Amino acid sequence: MAQAQSTDPIIGQTFGNVIAKSLLGRGGMGAVYLGYHAGLDMKVAVKLLPDLFVGRAELVERFLREARLSGRLQHPNIVRTLDVGQSHGVYYLVMEYVEGVDAQKLLDREKRFTPMRAVNIAGFVARALGEAHEQDIMHRDIKPANILIARDGKVKVTDFGLARSLNNTATALTLSNQVVGTPNYMAPEQIKTTSVDMRVDIYALGVTLWQFLTGVLPFEGETPMAVLLNVVNEPLPMPEETFGPLPKELREAIVAMTAKDPRRRLPNIPAVLAVLKKARDALLHAGLNSTAPLTSAGQRPPVGETRDPVSGNSFGAPIPVPPKGAAAKGDHTTFTKPLGGIAAPKPAARPGSTPPRKPPTR
């Protein structure tokens, strides 16, 4: 690994005010490097568009669209975009660096999450999507790999590379004229038509929550097309060994989020947060409030899988369950507090009570 890092020509290159330090990973839409931002004196992540895509106008536009869309999103559960530009013949995107691990890697290590941990993570992802949807942006690729868990337990959604502005559906881009997304998490209407809305994110979040609880993907197939056909035609399985012991509120939440017909699916994020809160309350009532990793008592996971490859710090800390009624501003331990446009309604005045008088203005 060290030899690969030393021969990487990107290491040591400057992109705007950022120096690339090491490779964090590669994906279909580019490589991501750990960088140091000299002006801000902080670590950042630098995403580079692959050389293969440079010169292909539609893919460059897709990359730049990601930058423009994600740059509009300022939310504690969304990875911030700091800069975008072109240098050394490639386009780059500078993002907030989150010391931690994505939820897919945690699943690979722990096999599945406790119900409370799964619901908590899904709730924070829902809050991130609520901010995006209020700005007419949908993600279109919600899955565990795009959910980051910081070392302190904070949850952040990343990679709006497949996002599409709801105000610009006519100019939405696809890769090689194919549907975009990850097969198991794609809503049926996302497969059958290009006419979709934010309910595709609700479906994907429901499948992700299902995967958190079971540790496996819901639909199997020898090819991506076979998986897509199963997504469209087969009901989401609800294995008794997993869901039988859980409160019905949690099962009902997943069913409502993953309805095949979008008209029968939960219509918006406030509705999602409401059913997730009911599920969370039911788990608390049933005593299923653990958010610790599902490992045997006294057994430590392999060190190589619990350390940040750059900093060496531990990550994947469990998300603590706050005391009843705790909903302080900035508290990342509960997704149920009011925020922005998703605010809880004010309690109605009791019969016979007198509303408080406003102090006189001077």
Protein backbone atom coordinates (compact mmCIF):
# COMPACT_ATOMS: atom_id res chain seq x y z
CA MET A 1 0.00 0.00 0.00
CA ALA A 2 2.81 2.38 0.93
CA GLN A 3 4.56 1.62 -2.36
CA ALA A 4 1.34 2.32 -4.28
CA GLN A 5 0.93 5.63 -2.48
CA SER A 6 4.53 6.67 -3.21
CA THR A 7 4.18 6.01 -6.95
CA ASP A 8 0.82 7.78 -7.28
CA PRO A 9 1.53 10.90 -9.41
CA ILE A 10 -1.32 12.79 -7.70
CA ILE A 11 0.37 12.69 -4.30
CA GLY A 12 2.03 16.05 -3.69
CA GLN A 13 0.08 17.84 -6.43
CA THR A 14 -1.72 21.08 -5.58
CA PHE A 15 -5.38 21.63 -6.39
CA GLY A 16 -6.30 25.22 -5.63
CA ASN A 17 -5.18 25.68 -2.01
CA VAL A 18 -5.06 21.95 -1.33
CA ILE A 19 -2.11 19.54 -1.42
CA ALA A 20 -2.99 15.88 -2.07
CA LYS A 21 -1.49 13.71 0.68
CA SER A 22 -2.78 10.16 0.20
CA LEU A 23 -5.38 8.09 -1.64
CA LEU A 24 -8.59 7.41 0.28
CA GLY A 25 -10.43 5.39 -2.37
CA ARG A 26 -11.68 5.09 -5.94
CA GLY A 27 -15.19 4.88 -7.36
CA GLY A 28 -17.09 5.06 -10.61
CA MET A 29 -17.13 8.86 -10.53
CA GLY A 30 -13.51 9.42 -9.53
CA ALA A 31 -10.72 8.97 -7.00
CA VAL A 32 -10.80 10.59 -3.57
CA TYR A 33 -7.64 11.82 -1.83
CA LEU A 34 -6.90 13.12 1.62
CA GLY A 35 -5.64 16.67 1.25
CA TYR A 36 -4.37 19.52 3.36
CA HIS A 37 -5.94 22.95 2.86
CA ALA A 38 -3.20 25.45 3.68
CA GLY A 39 -5.51 28.47 3.84
CA LEU A 40 -7.90 26.82 6.29
CA ASP A 41 -5.21 24.75 8.05
CA MET A 42 -7.34 21.60 7.94
CA LYS A 43 -7.67 18.18 6.37
CA VAL A 44 -10.04 17.95 3.40
CA ALA A 45 -11.09 15.34 0.86
CA VAL A 46 -10.33 15.95 -2.82
CA LYS A 47 -12.43 14.15 -5.45
CA LEU A 48 -10.93 13.98 -8.95
CA LEU A 49 -12.80 13.25 -12.17
CA PRO A 50 -11.09 10.27 -13.91
CA ASP A 51 -8.89 11.05 -16.91
CA LEU A 52 -11.14 8.73 -18.92
CA PHE A 53 -14.01 11.21 -18.57
CA VAL A 54 -12.14 14.36 -19.45
CA GLY A 55 -13.17 15.50 -22.92
CA ARG A 56 -16.64 13.94 -22.57
CA ALA A 57 -18.79 16.99 -22.08
CA GLU A 58 -21.77 15.18 -20.54
CA LEU A 59 -19.65 13.55 -17.80
CA VAL A 60 -17.78 16.75 -17.03
CA GLU A 61 -21.12 18.53 -16.72
CA ARG A 62 -22.36 15.79 -14.41
CA PHE A 63 -19.32 16.24 -12.17
CA LEU A 64 -19.72 20.01 -12.11
CA ARG A 65 -23.41 19.61 -11.41
CA GLU A 66 -22.52 17.59 -8.32
CA ALA A 67 -20.37 20.47 -7.15
CA ARG A 68 -23.04 23.10 -7.77
CA LEU A 69 -25.79 21.09 -6.10
CA SER A 70 -23.85 19.90 -3.09
CA GLY A 71 -22.43 23.40 -2.61
CA ARG A 72 -25.99 24.64 -1.95
CA LEU A 73 -26.48 22.14 0.87
CA GLN A 74 -25.40 23.34 4.31
CA HIS A 75 -26.53 20.82 6.91
CA PRO A 76 -24.84 18.98 9.82
CA ASN A 77 -25.70 15.61 8.24
CA ILE A 78 -24.38 16.43 4.75
CA VAL A 79 -20.71 16.45 3.74
CA ARG A 80 -19.88 20.07 2.88
CA THR A 81 -18.47 21.11 -0.50
CA LEU A 82 -15.71 23.71 -0.13
CA ASP A 83 -14.35 24.31 -3.63
CA VAL A 84 -14.40 23.13 -7.24
CA GLY A 85 -11.99 23.78 -10.09
CA GLN A 86 -9.66 22.44 -12.76
CA SER A 87 -5.94 21.79 -12.34
CA HIS A 88 -3.31 19.56 -13.98
CA GLY A 89 -5.83 18.71 -16.69
CA VAL A 90 -8.43 17.29 -14.29
CA TYR A 91 -11.50 18.64 -12.54
CA TYR A 92 -11.53 18.46 -8.76
CA LEU A 93 -13.98 18.87 -5.91
CA VAL A 94 -12.82 19.79 -2.40
CA MET A 95 -15.05 18.47 0.37
CA GLU A 96 -15.18 18.27 4.13
CA TYR A 97 -13.05 15.35 5.38
CA VAL A 98 -14.92 13.05 7.74
CA GLU A 99 -12.68 10.89 9.91
CA GLY A 100 -14.61 7.68 10.08
CA VAL A 101 -15.98 4.89 7.94
CA ASP A 102 -18.93 4.39 5.64
CA ALA A 103 -21.89 2.32 6.83
CA GLN A 104 -21.21 -0.41 4.26
CA LYS A 105 -17.77 -1.09 5.75
CA LEU A 106 -19.32 -1.17 9.22
CA LEU A 107 -21.88 -3.70 7.97
CA ASP A 108 -19.13 -5.80 6.40
CA ARG A 109 -17.39 -5.86 9.77
CA GLU A 110 -20.34 -6.21 12.14
CA LYS A 111 -22.73 -8.16 9.81
CA ARG A 112 -25.77 -6.16 10.99
CA PHE A 113 -26.74 -3.33 13.35
CA THR A 114 -28.86 -3.32 16.47
CA PRO A 115 -32.38 -2.05 15.71
CA MET A 116 -31.87 1.21 17.62
CA ARG A 117 -28.57 1.93 15.88
CA ALA A 118 -30.16 1.20 12.50
CA VAL A 119 -33.13 3.50 13.17
CA ASN A 120 -30.89 6.29 14.51
CA ILE A 121 -28.66 6.25 11.41
CA ALA A 122 -31.69 6.15 9.10
CA GLY A 123 -33.20 9.09 10.98
CA PHE A 124 -30.15 11.27 10.45
CA VAL A 125 -30.01 10.34 6.76
CA ALA A 126 -33.67 11.35 6.54
CA ARG A 127 -32.85 14.74 8.04
CA ALA A 128 -30.12 15.23 5.42
CA LEU A 129 -32.55 14.30 2.66
CA GLY A 130 -35.13 16.67 4.11
CA GLU A 131 -32.71 19.56 3.64
CA ALA A 132 -31.92 18.47 0.08
CA HIS A 133 -35.58 17.97 -0.84
CA GLU A 134 -36.49 21.41 0.49
CA GLN A 135 -33.99 22.79 -2.03
CA ASP A 136 -35.50 20.66 -4.83
CA ILE A 137 -32.56 18.24 -4.87
CA MET A 138 -32.81 14.48 -4.66
CA HIS A 139 -29.85 12.20 -4.08
CA ARG A 140 -30.90 9.18 -6.22
CA ASP A 141 -28.17 6.89 -4.81
CA ILE A 142 -28.82 6.48 -1.09
CA LYS A 143 -27.09 3.32 0.16
CA PRO A 144 -24.77 2.36 3.05
CA ALA A 145 -21.62 3.20 1.05
CA ASN A 146 -22.78 6.83 0.77
CA ILE A 147 -23.45 7.20 4.52
CA LEU A 148 -20.42 8.16 6.60
CA ILE A 149 -20.20 7.45 10.33
CA ALA A 150 -17.68 9.75 12.03
CA ARG A 151 -15.59 8.61 14.99
CA ASP A 152 -17.87 10.52 17.38
CA GLY A 153 -20.98 8.88 15.92
CA LYS A 154 -22.14 11.74 13.68
CA VAL A 155 -23.87 10.64 10.48
CA LYS A 156 -23.19 12.41 7.18
CA VAL A 157 -24.51 11.74 3.67
CA THR A 158 -22.02 12.05 0.84
CA ASP A 159 -21.81 11.72 -2.95
CA PHE A 160 -24.52 13.71 -4.61
CA GLY A 161 -22.95 12.67 -7.93
CA LEU A 162 -26.22 11.14 -9.08
CA ALA A 163 -28.34 13.94 -7.69
CA ARG A 164 -30.77 15.77 -9.89
CA SER A 165 -32.46 19.08 -9.37
CA LEU A 166 -36.21 18.64 -9.42
CA ASN A 167 -36.37 21.96 -11.27
CA ASN A 168 -34.30 20.61 -14.15
CA THR A 169 -35.77 17.19 -14.89
CA ALA A 170 -35.70 17.80 -18.61
CA THR A 171 -31.91 18.16 -18.63
CA ALA A 172 -31.12 15.30 -16.26
CA LEU A 173 -28.01 13.40 -17.33
CA THR A 174 -27.54 9.64 -17.41
CA LEU A 175 -24.45 7.56 -18.05
CA SER A 176 -24.43 6.12 -21.60
CA ASN A 177 -28.20 6.65 -21.82
CA GLN A 178 -28.80 4.08 -19.05
CA VAL A 179 -30.66 4.41 -15.76
CA VAL A 180 -28.46 5.69 -12.96
CA GLY A 181 -28.30 4.32 -9.46
CA THR A 182 -27.42 1.09 -7.65
CA PRO A 183 -29.83 -1.77 -8.56
CA ASN A 184 -30.88 -3.03 -5.11
CA TYR A 185 -31.68 0.46 -3.85
CA MET A 186 -33.49 1.76 -6.93
CA ALA A 187 -37.22 2.33 -6.68
CA PRO A 188 -39.34 0.48 -9.28
CA GLU A 189 -40.35 3.74 -10.98
CA GLN A 190 -36.67 4.72 -11.20
CA ILE A 191 -36.12 1.57 -13.27
CA LYS A 192 -39.24 1.79 -15.44
CA THR A 193 -39.30 5.51 -16.21
CA THR A 194 -37.26 8.70 -15.96
CA SER A 195 -40.24 10.48 -14.39
CA VAL A 196 -39.28 10.29 -10.71
CA ASP A 197 -39.39 12.49 -7.64
CA MET A 198 -38.01 12.57 -4.10
CA ARG A 199 -39.89 9.39 -3.20
CA VAL A 200 -37.06 7.40 -4.82
CA ASP A 201 -34.83 8.56 -1.94
CA ILE A 202 -37.46 7.42 0.58
CA TYR A 203 -37.54 3.97 -1.06
CA ALA A 204 -33.73 3.69 -1.04
CA LEU A 205 -33.59 4.72 2.63
CA GLY A 206 -36.17 2.05 3.47
CA VAL A 207 -34.10 -0.62 1.71
CA THR A 208 -30.98 0.66 3.48
CA LEU A 209 -32.73 0.39 6.87
CA TRP A 210 -33.83 -3.16 5.93
CA GLN A 211 -30.20 -4.00 5.11
CA PHE A 212 -28.97 -2.50 8.40
CA LEU A 213 -31.26 -4.92 10.25
CA THR A 214 -30.68 -8.06 8.16
CA GLY A 215 -27.08 -7.62 7.03
CA VAL A 216 -27.89 -8.71 3.48
CA LEU A 217 -29.34 -7.25 0.30
CA PRO A 218 -33.06 -7.87 -0.30
CA PHE A 219 -33.00 -8.92 -3.96
CA GLU A 220 -30.64 -11.41 -5.57
CA GLY A 221 -29.78 -11.95 -9.21
CA GLU A 222 -26.92 -13.24 -11.35
CA THR A 223 -26.82 -9.98 -13.30
CA PRO A 224 -27.73 -6.35 -12.53
CA MET A 225 -30.69 -6.71 -14.93
CA ALA A 226 -31.96 -9.73 -12.99
CA VAL A 227 -31.77 -7.71 -9.78
CA LEU A 228 -33.68 -4.85 -11.41
CA LEU A 229 -36.43 -7.24 -12.55
CA ASN A 230 -36.75 -8.60 -9.00
CA VAL A 231 -36.93 -5.07 -7.60
CA VAL A 232 -39.86 -4.34 -9.90
CA ASN A 233 -41.72 -7.64 -9.55
CA GLU A 234 -40.90 -9.21 -6.17
CA PRO A 235 -42.15 -8.01 -2.76
CA LEU A 236 -39.59 -6.92 -0.20
CA PRO A 237 -39.04 -10.00 2.01
CA MET A 238 -39.59 -9.65 5.76
CA PRO A 239 -37.80 -12.67 7.29
CA GLU A 240 -39.46 -13.78 10.53
CA GLU A 241 -36.15 -14.49 12.27
CA THR A 242 -35.18 -10.82 11.90
CA PHE A 243 -38.45 -8.95 12.10
CA GLY A 244 -40.53 -11.27 14.29
CA PRO A 245 -38.94 -10.12 17.58
CA LEU A 246 -39.08 -6.42 16.61
CA PRO A 247 -41.90 -3.96 17.36
CA LYS A 248 -44.52 -3.79 14.62
CA GLU A 249 -43.87 -0.04 14.33
CA LEU A 250 -40.44 -0.75 12.85
CA ARG A 251 -41.78 -3.27 10.36
CA GLU A 252 -44.57 -0.88 9.40
CA ALA A 253 -42.08 1.95 8.85
CA ILE A 254 -40.05 -0.12 6.39
CA VAL A 255 -43.15 -1.31 4.54
CA ALA A 256 -44.44 2.26 4.23
CA MET A 257 -41.07 3.51 2.93
CA THR A 258 -40.64 0.74 0.34
CA ALA A 259 -44.07 0.45 -1.27
CA LYS A 260 -43.65 -0.52 -4.94
CA ASP A 261 -46.25 2.02 -6.03
CA PRO A 262 -44.94 5.51 -5.20
CA ARG A 263 -48.53 6.65 -4.63
CA ARG A 264 -48.72 4.25 -1.67
CA ARG A 265 -45.27 5.15 -0.34
CA LEU A 266 -44.63 7.74 2.36
CA PRO A 267 -44.90 11.04 0.48
CA ASN A 268 -42.19 13.15 2.11
CA ILE A 269 -39.44 13.33 4.72
CA PRO A 270 -41.62 14.70 7.56
CA ALA A 271 -43.72 11.55 7.18
CA VAL A 272 -40.57 9.41 7.23
CA LEU A 273 -39.31 11.09 10.39
CA ALA A 274 -42.70 10.56 12.02
CA VAL A 275 -42.71 6.77 11.43
CA LEU A 276 -39.04 6.45 12.41
CA LYS A 277 -39.76 8.29 15.65
CA LYS A 278 -42.64 5.89 16.35
CA ALA A 279 -40.30 2.96 15.69
CA ARG A 280 -37.63 4.48 17.94
CA ASP A 281 -40.14 5.03 20.75
CA ALA A 282 -41.37 1.44 20.40
CA LEU A 283 -37.81 0.15 20.62
CA LEU A 284 -37.24 2.19 23.77
CA HIS A 285 -40.48 0.85 25.27
CA ALA A 286 -39.39 -2.72 24.44
CA GLY A 287 -35.98 -2.19 26.05
CA LEU A 288 -34.18 -2.49 22.70
CA ASN A 289 -32.17 0.69 23.21
CA SER A 290 -28.65 -0.60 22.59
CA THR A 291 -26.62 1.12 19.90
CA ALA A 292 -23.40 -0.80 20.58
CA PRO A 293 -21.85 -2.92 17.81
CA LEU A 294 -23.10 -6.51 17.70
CA THR A 295 -19.88 -8.15 18.90
CA SER A 296 -19.40 -10.76 21.57
CA ALA A 297 -18.69 -9.52 25.09
CA GLY A 298 -15.02 -8.73 25.49
CA GLN A 299 -14.28 -9.50 21.85
CA ARG A 300 -12.49 -6.74 19.95
CA PRO A 301 -12.93 -6.49 16.17
CA PRO A 302 -9.67 -6.79 14.16
CA VAL A 303 -7.54 -3.69 14.65
CA GLY A 304 -6.98 -3.27 10.94
CA GLU A 305 -10.69 -2.82 10.40
CA THR A 306 -11.32 -0.33 13.20
CA ARG A 307 -8.64 2.25 12.47
CA ASP A 308 -8.70 5.19 10.10
CA PRO A 309 -6.10 4.34 7.41
CA VAL A 310 -4.74 7.89 7.46
CA SER A 311 -4.90 9.10 11.06
CA GLY A 312 -4.80 5.74 12.85
CA ASN A 313 -7.71 6.83 15.05
CA SER A 314 -10.53 4.47 16.00
CA PHE A 315 -13.88 5.01 14.36
CA GLY A 316 -17.39 3.59 14.33
CA ALA A 317 -18.31 4.70 17.84
CA PRO A 318 -21.86 3.74 18.81
CA ILE A 319 -24.44 6.50 18.71
CA PRO A 320 -25.59 7.06 22.30
CA VAL A 321 -29.28 7.17 23.10
CA PRO A 322 -30.05 10.53 24.76
CA PRO A 323 -32.12 10.87 27.93
CA LYS A 324 -35.84 11.30 27.40
CA GLY A 325 -36.67 14.80 26.22
CA ALA A 326 -33.11 15.69 25.18
CA ALA A 327 -33.20 17.69 21.96
CA ALA A 328 -30.59 20.40 22.32
CA LYS A 329 -29.60 22.37 19.25
CA GLY A 330 -26.67 20.70 17.52
CA ASP A 331 -27.22 17.43 19.43
CA HIS A 332 -26.25 14.64 17.03
CA THR A 333 -27.52 11.85 19.29
CA THR A 334 -31.18 12.24 18.32
CA PHE A 335 -32.84 12.76 14.95
CA THR A 336 -36.21 13.67 16.48
CA LYS A 337 -35.58 17.33 17.34
CA PRO A 338 -37.17 20.05 15.16
CA LEU A 339 -34.93 21.55 12.50
CA GLY A 340 -35.57 24.01 9.68
CA GLY A 341 -38.79 23.38 7.79
CA ILE A 342 -39.33 20.04 9.54
CA ALA A 343 -40.54 21.51 12.81
CA ALA A 344 -42.79 19.94 15.37
CA PRO A 345 -46.23 21.57 15.66
CA LYS A 346 -46.82 23.80 18.65
CA PRO A 347 -48.95 22.21 21.38
CA ALA A 348 -52.56 23.35 21.44
CA ALA A 349 -53.67 25.52 24.35
CA ARG A 350 -55.51 23.66 27.08
CA PRO A 351 -59.26 24.40 27.37
CA GLY A 352 -59.90 27.30 29.71
CA SER A 353 -56.27 28.42 29.74
CA THR A 354 -55.26 32.01 29.04
CA PRO A 355 -52.52 32.52 26.47
CA PRO A 356 -49.46 34.39 27.77
CA ARG A 357 -49.54 38.12 27.19
CA LYS A 358 -46.87 39.64 25.00
CA PRO A 359 -44.70 42.27 26.71
CA PRO A 360 -45.44 45.83 25.51
CA THR A 361 -43.19 47.21 22.81
CA ARG A 362 -41.32 50.41 23.45
